[in-house]
Amino acid sequence: MSTSTQPAPTARTASSDKGLAASVTAQAPRTTELAGGVSGADQPAANRGRTSIADVVVVKVAGMAAREIYGVYDMGGGLARTIGAVRDRVPGGRPNVGRGVKVEVGELQTAIDVDLVVEYGVPIADVAREVRESVITAVERVTGLEVVEVNVTINDVHLPEDDNEPASTSTRVE
């Protein structure tokens, strides 16, 4: 029986004697192994097999958590938002919930960078703090990884007059 030299994080149950140390693979997309499972009919069902989480999962969870915060208008830098706007207008295109989120995932921990556009008038420091709390809570709950830091960058402020763009009075379909 092999044992891990790293302690299991408190967010996971230590139900396996094989250890729950994670190993990062260098494949695309990157994944983090959360549970090194074992094989054999004599093992409990919960321990048979491995659990891996792709980096994109952490990106999406963090993106969804950040977007839920009042005062966050959009996410990403200028170029990312421009490309996202074009992508959103393409028929059948889905919004990219991970836009504006970058992650580094290690064996047991992750670090997250979030780029935001905030609404004019909201306290930026409060929005950043709430985004941090929301992202940390969601990522740790969903993935079991420890979030060591969430860096928030405010790239822009959405002004009320930005919504007053001239609307087209003609429609394409009658």
C-alpha atoms as a PDB file:
ATOM      1  CA  MET A   1       0.000   0.000   0.000  1.00  0.00           C
ATOM      2  CA  SER A   2       1.452   3.372  -0.982  1.00  0.00           C
ATOM      3  CA  THR A   3       0.960   6.488   1.106  1.00  0.00           C
ATOM      4  CA  SER A   4       1.037  10.133   0.177  1.00  0.00           C
ATOM      5  CA  THR A   5       3.561  12.522   1.678  1.00  0.00           C
ATOM      6  CA  GLN A   6       1.096  15.399   1.469  1.00  0.00           C
ATOM      7  CA  PRO A   7      -1.813  15.703   3.905  1.00  0.00           C
ATOM      8  CA  ALA A   8      -5.301  15.561   2.470  1.00  0.00           C
ATOM      9  CA  PRO A   9      -6.999  18.966   2.455  1.00  0.00           C
ATOM     10  CA  THR A  10      -9.735  19.457   5.006  1.00  0.00           C
ATOM     11  CA  ALA A  11     -12.354  20.102   2.302  1.00  0.00           C
ATOM     12  CA  ARG A  12     -12.210  16.454   1.220  1.00  0.00           C
ATOM     13  CA  THR A  13     -13.036  13.338   3.131  1.00  0.00           C
ATOM     14  CA  ALA A  14     -10.065  11.101   3.724  1.00  0.00           C
ATOM     15  CA  SER A  15     -11.865   7.891   2.861  1.00  0.00           C
ATOM     16  CA  SER A  16      -9.006   6.349   0.911  1.00  0.00           C
ATOM     17  CA  ASP A  17      -5.874   4.862   2.442  1.00  0.00           C
ATOM     18  CA  LYS A  18      -4.122   5.549  -0.860  1.00  0.00           C
ATOM     19  CA  GLY A  19      -4.153   9.325  -0.207  1.00  0.00           C
ATOM     20  CA  LEU A  20      -5.825  12.122  -2.059  1.00  0.00           C
ATOM     21  CA  ALA A  21      -2.768  13.996  -3.277  1.00  0.00           C
ATOM     22  CA  ALA A  22      -3.287  15.610  -6.658  1.00  0.00           C
ATOM     23  CA  SER A  23      -1.031  15.371  -9.652  1.00  0.00           C
ATOM     24  CA  VAL A  24      -1.048  17.902 -12.447  1.00  0.00           C
ATOM     25  CA  THR A  25      -0.827  16.478 -15.916  1.00  0.00           C
ATOM     26  CA  ALA A  26       0.836  18.305 -18.810  1.00  0.00           C
ATOM     27  CA  GLN A  27      -1.866  17.469 -21.316  1.00  0.00           C
ATOM     28  CA  ALA A  28      -4.210  19.837 -23.083  1.00  0.00           C
ATOM     29  CA  PRO A  29      -6.603  20.589 -21.524  1.00  0.00           C
ATOM     30  CA  ARG A  30      -4.817  20.543 -18.204  1.00  0.00           C
ATOM     31  CA  THR A  31      -6.417  18.539 -15.463  1.00  0.00           C
ATOM     32  CA  THR A  32      -5.762  18.146 -11.780  1.00  0.00           C
ATOM     33  CA  GLU A  33      -6.178  14.713 -10.260  1.00  0.00           C
ATOM     34  CA  LEU A  34      -8.085  15.013  -7.017  1.00  0.00           C
ATOM     35  CA  ALA A  35      -8.307  11.400  -5.994  1.00  0.00           C
ATOM     36  CA  GLY A  36      -5.867   8.701  -6.967  1.00  0.00           C
ATOM     37  CA  GLY A  37      -8.223   5.773  -7.036  1.00  0.00           C
ATOM     38  CA  VAL A  38      -7.479   2.101  -6.803  1.00  0.00           C
ATOM     39  CA  SER A  39      -8.778  -0.865  -8.702  1.00  0.00           C
ATOM     40  CA  GLY A  40     -10.095  -4.136  -7.476  1.00  0.00           C
ATOM     41  CA  ALA A  41     -13.398  -5.630  -6.489  1.00  0.00           C
ATOM     42  CA  ASP A  42     -12.279  -5.754  -2.859  1.00  0.00           C
ATOM     43  CA  GLN A  43     -12.106  -1.927  -2.651  1.00  0.00           C
ATOM     44  CA  PRO A  44     -15.071   0.267  -1.643  1.00  0.00           C
ATOM     45  CA  ALA A  45     -17.016   1.573  -4.642  1.00  0.00           C
ATOM     46  CA  ALA A  46     -16.158   5.199  -3.847  1.00  0.00           C
ATOM     47  CA  ASN A  47     -12.425   4.466  -4.173  1.00  0.00           C
ATOM     48  CA  ARG A  48     -12.461   2.682  -7.530  1.00  0.00           C
ATOM     49  CA  GLY A  49     -11.111   5.044 -10.192  1.00  0.00           C
ATOM     50  CA  ARG A  50      -9.646   8.538 -10.389  1.00  0.00           C
ATOM     51  CA  THR A  51     -11.167  12.000 -10.252  1.00  0.00           C
ATOM     52  CA  SER A  52      -9.621  14.725 -12.411  1.00  0.00           C
ATOM     53  CA  ILE A  53     -10.664  18.347 -12.840  1.00  0.00           C
ATOM     54  CA  ALA A  54      -9.738  20.290 -15.983  1.00  0.00           C
ATOM     55  CA  ASP A  55      -8.462  23.856 -15.554  1.00  0.00           C
ATOM     56  CA  VAL A  56     -11.404  25.108 -17.605  1.00  0.00           C
ATOM     57  CA  VAL A  57     -13.727  23.898 -14.845  1.00  0.00           C
ATOM     58  CA  VAL A  58     -12.026  26.204 -12.341  1.00  0.00           C
ATOM     59  CA  VAL A  59     -12.212  29.053 -14.889  1.00  0.00           C
ATOM     60  CA  LYS A  60     -15.953  28.586 -15.413  1.00  0.00           C
ATOM     61  CA  VAL A  61     -16.779  28.223 -11.719  1.00  0.00           C
ATOM     62  CA  ALA A  62     -14.799  31.376 -10.901  1.00  0.00           C
ATOM     63  CA  GLY A  63     -16.396  33.276 -13.797  1.00  0.00           C
ATOM     64  CA  MET A  64     -19.928  32.367 -12.756  1.00  0.00           C
ATOM     65  CA  ALA A  65     -19.226  33.294  -9.126  1.00  0.00           C
ATOM     66  CA  ALA A  66     -17.784  36.684 -10.089  1.00  0.00           C
ATOM     67  CA  ARG A  67     -20.678  37.540 -12.421  1.00  0.00           C
ATOM     68  CA  GLU A  68     -23.196  37.007  -9.591  1.00  0.00           C
ATOM     69  CA  ILE A  69     -21.872  39.987  -7.634  1.00  0.00           C
ATOM     70  CA  TYR A  70     -23.842  43.239  -7.743  1.00  0.00           C
ATOM     71  CA  GLY A  71     -21.806  45.939  -9.469  1.00  0.00           C
ATOM     72  CA  VAL A  72     -20.009  43.641 -11.931  1.00  0.00           C
ATOM     73  CA  TYR A  73     -21.109  44.833 -15.373  1.00  0.00           C
ATOM     74  CA  ASP A  74     -18.846  42.647 -17.535  1.00  0.00           C
ATOM     75  CA  MET A  75     -15.617  40.709 -17.397  1.00  0.00           C
ATOM     76  CA  GLY A  76     -12.385  40.755 -19.353  1.00  0.00           C
ATOM     77  CA  GLY A  77     -10.125  43.370 -20.887  1.00  0.00           C
ATOM     78  CA  GLY A  78     -11.057  45.509 -23.859  1.00  0.00           C
ATOM     79  CA  LEU A  79     -10.021  43.020 -26.546  1.00  0.00           C
ATOM     80  CA  ALA A  80     -11.616  40.074 -24.758  1.00  0.00           C
ATOM     81  CA  ARG A  81     -14.900  41.985 -24.420  1.00  0.00           C
ATOM     82  CA  THR A  82     -14.825  42.977 -28.099  1.00  0.00           C
ATOM     83  CA  ILE A  83     -14.261  39.409 -29.214  1.00  0.00           C
ATOM     84  CA  GLY A  84     -16.911  38.248 -26.745  1.00  0.00           C
ATOM     85  CA  ALA A  85     -19.442  40.727 -28.145  1.00  0.00           C
ATOM     86  CA  VAL A  86     -18.860  39.413 -31.658  1.00  0.00           C
ATOM     87  CA  ARG A  87     -19.095  35.832 -30.427  1.00  0.00           C
ATOM     88  CA  ASP A  88     -22.371  36.571 -28.607  1.00  0.00           C
ATOM     89  CA  ARG A  89     -23.940  37.915 -31.827  1.00  0.00           C
ATOM     90  CA  VAL A  90     -23.125  34.812 -33.857  1.00  0.00           C
ATOM     91  CA  PRO A  91     -26.241  32.641 -34.185  1.00  0.00           C
ATOM     92  CA  GLY A  92     -25.872  29.594 -31.978  1.00  0.00           C
ATOM     93  CA  GLY A  93     -22.957  31.177 -30.110  1.00  0.00           C
ATOM     94  CA  ARG A  94     -22.853  30.864 -26.356  1.00  0.00           C
ATOM     95  CA  PRO A  95     -21.479  33.466 -23.976  1.00  0.00           C
ATOM     96  CA  ASN A  96     -18.049  32.649 -22.576  1.00  0.00           C
ATOM     97  CA  VAL A  97     -18.531  32.546 -18.799  1.00  0.00           C
ATOM     98  CA  GLY A  98     -14.770  32.209 -18.332  1.00  0.00           C
ATOM     99  CA  ARG A  99     -13.937  35.449 -20.136  1.00  0.00           C
ATOM    100  CA  GLY A 100     -11.722  37.579 -17.940  1.00  0.00           C
ATOM    101  CA  VAL A 101     -10.578  34.691 -15.721  1.00  0.00           C
ATOM    102  CA  LYS A 102      -7.110  33.143 -15.660  1.00  0.00           C
ATOM    103  CA  VAL A 103      -6.098  30.325 -13.327  1.00  0.00           C
ATOM    104  CA  GLU A 104      -3.006  28.491 -12.195  1.00  0.00           C
ATOM    105  CA  VAL A 105      -3.838  25.082 -10.809  1.00  0.00           C
ATOM    106  CA  GLY A 106      -1.361  23.117  -8.748  1.00  0.00           C
ATOM    107  CA  GLU A 107      -1.639  19.799  -7.007  1.00  0.00           C
ATOM    108  CA  LEU A 108      -3.874  20.956  -4.165  1.00  0.00           C
ATOM    109  CA  GLN A 109      -4.171  24.709  -4.680  1.00  0.00           C
ATOM    110  CA  THR A 110      -5.168  27.261  -7.268  1.00  0.00           C
ATOM    111  CA  ALA A 111      -4.556  30.978  -7.859  1.00  0.00           C
ATOM    112  CA  ILE A 112      -7.074  33.011  -9.831  1.00  0.00           C
ATOM    113  CA  ASP A 113      -6.914  36.346 -11.692  1.00  0.00           C
ATOM    114  CA  VAL A 114     -10.184  38.119 -12.525  1.00  0.00           C
ATOM    115  CA  ASP A 115     -10.558  41.147 -14.852  1.00  0.00           C
ATOM    116  CA  LEU A 116     -13.728  43.177 -14.311  1.00  0.00           C
ATOM    117  CA  VAL A 117     -15.759  46.093 -15.602  1.00  0.00           C
ATOM    118  CA  VAL A 118     -17.800  47.620 -12.779  1.00  0.00           C
ATOM    119  CA  GLU A 119     -20.919  49.769 -12.816  1.00  0.00           C
ATOM    120  CA  TYR A 120     -20.401  53.482 -12.213  1.00  0.00           C
ATOM    121  CA  GLY A 121     -21.254  54.490  -8.661  1.00  0.00           C
ATOM    122  CA  VAL A 122     -20.601  51.206  -6.870  1.00  0.00           C
ATOM    123  CA  PRO A 123     -17.742  51.141  -4.362  1.00  0.00           C
ATOM    124  CA  ILE A 124     -14.955  49.397  -6.281  1.00  0.00           C
ATOM    125  CA  ALA A 125     -13.189  48.112  -3.166  1.00  0.00           C
ATOM    126  CA  ASP A 126     -16.433  46.501  -1.958  1.00  0.00           C
ATOM    127  CA  VAL A 127     -17.081  44.877  -5.347  1.00  0.00           C
ATOM    128  CA  ALA A 128     -13.523  43.493  -5.427  1.00  0.00           C
ATOM    129  CA  ARG A 129     -13.868  42.106  -1.889  1.00  0.00           C
ATOM    130  CA  GLU A 130     -17.231  40.488  -2.653  1.00  0.00           C
ATOM    131  CA  VAL A 131     -15.904  38.992  -5.907  1.00  0.00           C
ATOM    132  CA  ARG A 132     -12.944  37.542  -4.001  1.00  0.00           C
ATOM    133  CA  GLU A 133     -15.193  36.000  -1.356  1.00  0.00           C
ATOM    134  CA  SER A 134     -17.640  34.611  -3.910  1.00  0.00           C
ATOM    135  CA  VAL A 135     -14.935  33.108  -6.128  1.00  0.00           C
ATOM    136  CA  ILE A 136     -13.071  31.518  -3.218  1.00  0.00           C
ATOM    137  CA  THR A 137     -16.246  30.033  -1.743  1.00  0.00           C
ATOM    138  CA  ALA A 138     -17.491  28.650  -5.061  1.00  0.00           C
ATOM    139  CA  VAL A 139     -14.182  27.198  -6.282  1.00  0.00           C
ATOM    140  CA  GLU A 140     -13.333  25.573  -2.956  1.00  0.00           C
ATOM    141  CA  ARG A 141     -16.850  24.143  -2.596  1.00  0.00           C
ATOM    142  CA  VAL A 142     -17.142  22.817  -6.144  1.00  0.00           C
ATOM    143  CA  THR A 143     -13.589  21.613  -6.795  1.00  0.00           C
ATOM    144  CA  GLY A 144     -12.138  20.964  -3.349  1.00  0.00           C
ATOM    145  CA  LEU A 145      -8.989  22.892  -4.303  1.00  0.00           C
ATOM    146  CA  GLU A 146      -7.637  25.466  -1.857  1.00  0.00           C
ATOM    147  CA  VAL A 147      -7.732  28.963  -3.364  1.00  0.00           C
ATOM    148  CA  VAL A 148      -4.558  30.735  -2.259  1.00  0.00           C
ATOM    149  CA  GLU A 149      -5.319  34.089  -3.902  1.00  0.00           C
ATOM    150  CA  VAL A 150      -7.792  35.889  -6.118  1.00  0.00           C
ATOM    151  CA  ASN A 151      -6.325  38.948  -7.839  1.00  0.00           C
ATOM    152  CA  VAL A 152      -8.986  41.378  -9.050  1.00  0.00           C
ATOM    153  CA  THR A 153      -8.195  43.923 -11.773  1.00  0.00           C
ATOM    154  CA  ILE A 154     -10.739  46.622 -12.598  1.00  0.00           C
ATOM    155  CA  ASN A 155     -10.283  47.380 -16.309  1.00  0.00           C
ATOM    156  CA  ASP A 156     -13.131  49.808 -16.882  1.00  0.00           C
ATOM    157  CA  VAL A 157     -16.201  51.503 -15.435  1.00  0.00           C
ATOM    158  CA  HIS A 158     -19.533  51.211 -17.231  1.00  0.00           C
ATOM    159  CA  LEU A 159     -21.165  54.644 -17.397  1.00  0.00           C
ATOM    160  CA  PRO A 160     -24.953  55.121 -17.640  1.00  0.00           C
ATOM    161  CA  GLU A 161     -24.606  57.086 -20.879  1.00  0.00           C
ATOM    162  CA  ASP A 162     -22.889  54.072 -22.470  1.00  0.00           C
ATOM    163  CA  ASP A 163     -26.364  52.497 -22.692  1.00  0.00           C
ATOM    164  CA  ASN A 164     -27.799  55.459 -24.604  1.00  0.00           C
ATOM    165  CA  GLU A 165     -26.452  54.345 -27.962  1.00  0.00           C
ATOM    166  CA  PRO A 166     -28.743  55.260 -30.861  1.00  0.00           C
ATOM    167  CA  ALA A 167     -31.156  52.409 -31.438  1.00  0.00           C
ATOM    168  CA  SER A 168     -32.131  51.453 -34.937  1.00  0.00           C
ATOM    169  CA  THR A 169     -35.803  52.216 -35.602  1.00  0.00           C
ATOM    170  CA  SER A 170     -36.044  49.835 -38.531  1.00  0.00           C
ATOM    171  CA  THR A 171     -36.437  46.134 -38.103  1.00  0.00           C
ATOM    172  CA  ARG A 172     -35.289  43.428 -40.441  1.00  0.00           C
ATOM    173  CA  VAL A 173     -38.424  41.347 -40.032  1.00  0.00           C
ATOM    174  CA  GLU A 174     -41.977  42.635 -40.416  1.00  0.00           C
END
